[in-house]
Amino acid sequence: MKATILHNLRCSKSRAALALLQEAGAAVIVVDYLADPPNRAELARLLGRAGLRPRDALRPEAKDVVPTDADDAAVLDAMVADPRLIERPLVETARGVRLCRPPERVRDLLPPR
C-alpha cells in the first residue's frame, strides 16, 4: 500500500502517524509540507477528499490569525501563504485522506487485516 503524509518532523503526532504507517508496511512518501508546501489546488483537493472545510484543518493557534468571518477561500489562501497554519499530519492513501490527529486515525486508511 502507498501512502503520502504531509509531515513535520518536529511534531510528535506527525511522527507517530508516520510510525504507524511504516509498521503497517506502507510505502510512504513523506512530504515536508513546510519546506515543500502544497499549492492551493492540491490542498483543496486533499481537504475535499478528507471531507474537511479549510477552517477544520487550521492549527489551533492559527485561528487567532485567520479572522473568524473568513470564508473557505480566504482560509485556504492563508494556509497556502503560510503552511504553518495547516494542521498536521494529513495522510492520503487509496482509501482516502484523514487529518490524523490523533495519530491512530491513520488506521482508517490502512487495508483491513
Protein backbone atom coordinates (compact mmCIF):
# COMPACT_ATOMS: atom_id res chain seq x y z
CA MET A 1 0.00 0.00 0.00
CA LYS A 2 1.15 3.51 -0.82
CA ALA A 3 0.65 6.47 1.46
CA THR A 4 1.58 10.15 1.40
CA ILE A 5 1.96 12.13 4.60
CA LEU A 6 2.21 15.89 4.93
CA HIS A 7 4.74 15.73 7.71
CA ASN A 8 6.55 17.89 10.22
CA LEU A 9 9.46 16.03 11.81
CA ARG A 10 9.24 18.22 14.93
CA CYS A 11 5.61 17.19 15.58
CA SER A 12 5.12 14.16 17.82
CA LYS A 13 1.66 13.44 16.32
CA SER A 14 3.10 13.51 12.82
CA ARG A 15 5.97 11.21 13.83
CA ALA A 16 3.51 8.82 15.47
CA ALA A 17 1.28 8.66 12.37
CA LEU A 18 4.34 8.04 10.19
CA ALA A 19 5.46 5.22 12.52
CA LEU A 20 2.02 3.59 12.30
CA LEU A 21 2.15 3.72 8.51
CA GLN A 22 5.65 2.23 8.46
CA GLU A 23 4.67 -0.51 10.95
CA ALA A 24 1.78 -1.41 8.64
CA GLY A 25 4.28 -1.86 5.78
CA ALA A 26 3.12 1.12 3.74
CA ALA A 27 5.39 2.59 1.10
CA VAL A 28 5.30 6.13 2.46
CA ILE A 29 6.05 9.31 0.57
CA VAL A 30 6.99 11.86 3.21
CA VAL A 31 6.32 15.48 2.25
CA ASP A 32 7.88 18.11 4.50
CA TYR A 33 5.00 20.49 3.93
CA LEU A 34 6.85 23.43 5.48
CA ALA A 35 9.73 23.10 3.01
CA ASP A 36 7.58 21.88 0.10
CA PRO A 37 4.05 23.20 0.74
CA PRO A 38 1.09 22.03 -1.31
CA ASN A 39 -0.27 24.50 -3.81
CA ARG A 40 -3.82 25.79 -3.47
CA ALA A 41 -5.36 23.22 -5.81
CA GLU A 42 -3.60 20.30 -4.09
CA LEU A 43 -4.55 21.49 -0.62
CA ALA A 44 -8.16 21.99 -1.70
CA ARG A 45 -8.18 18.50 -3.23
CA LEU A 46 -6.80 16.89 -0.06
CA LEU A 47 -9.22 18.70 2.20
CA GLY A 48 -12.13 17.92 -0.09
CA ARG A 49 -11.20 14.25 -0.18
CA ALA A 50 -10.99 14.29 3.63
CA GLY A 51 -14.43 15.94 3.85
CA LEU A 52 -12.94 18.93 5.66
CA ARG A 53 -13.54 22.62 5.25
CA PRO A 54 -10.30 24.63 5.29
CA ARG A 55 -11.11 26.03 8.76
CA ASP A 56 -11.34 22.43 10.05
CA ALA A 57 -7.68 21.92 9.10
CA LEU A 58 -6.29 25.05 10.77
CA ARG A 59 -3.86 24.63 13.64
CA PRO A 60 -5.47 25.89 16.86
CA GLU A 61 -3.12 28.87 17.15
CA ALA A 62 -3.89 29.82 13.54
CA LYS A 63 -7.48 30.51 14.47
CA ASP A 64 -6.18 33.67 16.14
CA VAL A 65 -4.51 34.73 12.87
CA VAL A 66 -7.34 33.99 10.44
CA PRO A 67 -10.47 36.08 11.08
CA THR A 68 -13.46 34.05 12.27
CA ASP A 69 -15.59 35.51 9.47
CA ALA A 70 -13.11 34.48 6.73
CA ASP A 71 -14.72 32.30 4.08
CA ASP A 72 -13.26 28.99 2.90
CA ALA A 73 -11.38 30.64 0.03
CA ALA A 74 -9.71 33.16 2.35
CA VAL A 75 -8.75 30.45 4.85
CA LEU A 76 -7.32 28.32 2.05
CA ASP A 77 -5.36 31.30 0.72
CA ALA A 78 -3.94 31.95 4.21
CA MET A 79 -2.88 28.30 4.54
CA VAL A 80 -1.13 28.39 1.18
CA ALA A 81 0.60 31.67 2.03
CA ASP A 82 1.77 30.30 5.40
CA PRO A 83 1.80 26.48 5.55
CA ARG A 84 2.49 26.63 9.30
CA LEU A 85 -1.26 27.26 9.61
CA ILE A 86 -2.07 23.76 8.28
CA GLU A 87 -2.87 21.18 10.94
CA ARG A 88 -0.84 18.02 10.65
CA PRO A 89 -0.45 15.30 9.72
CA LEU A 90 -2.59 14.92 6.63
CA VAL A 91 -2.33 11.38 5.27
CA GLU A 92 -3.56 10.10 1.92
CA THR A 93 -3.91 6.52 0.73
CA ALA A 94 -6.13 4.83 -1.85
CA ARG A 95 -8.72 4.57 0.96
CA GLY A 96 -8.97 8.33 1.44
CA VAL A 97 -7.46 11.29 3.26
CA ARG A 98 -7.52 11.90 7.01
CA LEU A 99 -6.26 14.56 9.33
CA CYS A 100 -4.55 12.10 11.66
CA ARG A 101 -4.96 13.86 14.95
CA PRO A 102 -4.92 11.72 16.96
CA PRO A 103 -2.38 9.63 15.01
CA GLU A 104 -4.47 6.48 15.42
CA ARG A 105 -6.86 7.87 12.80
CA VAL A 106 -4.32 6.67 10.25
CA ARG A 107 -5.68 3.17 10.84
CA ASP A 108 -8.86 4.20 8.96
CA LEU A 109 -6.66 4.46 5.86
CA LEU A 110 -4.99 1.07 6.20
CA PRO A 111 -6.33 -2.05 4.50
CA PRO A 112 -8.22 -4.44 6.78
CA ARG A 113 -6.08 -7.17 8.28
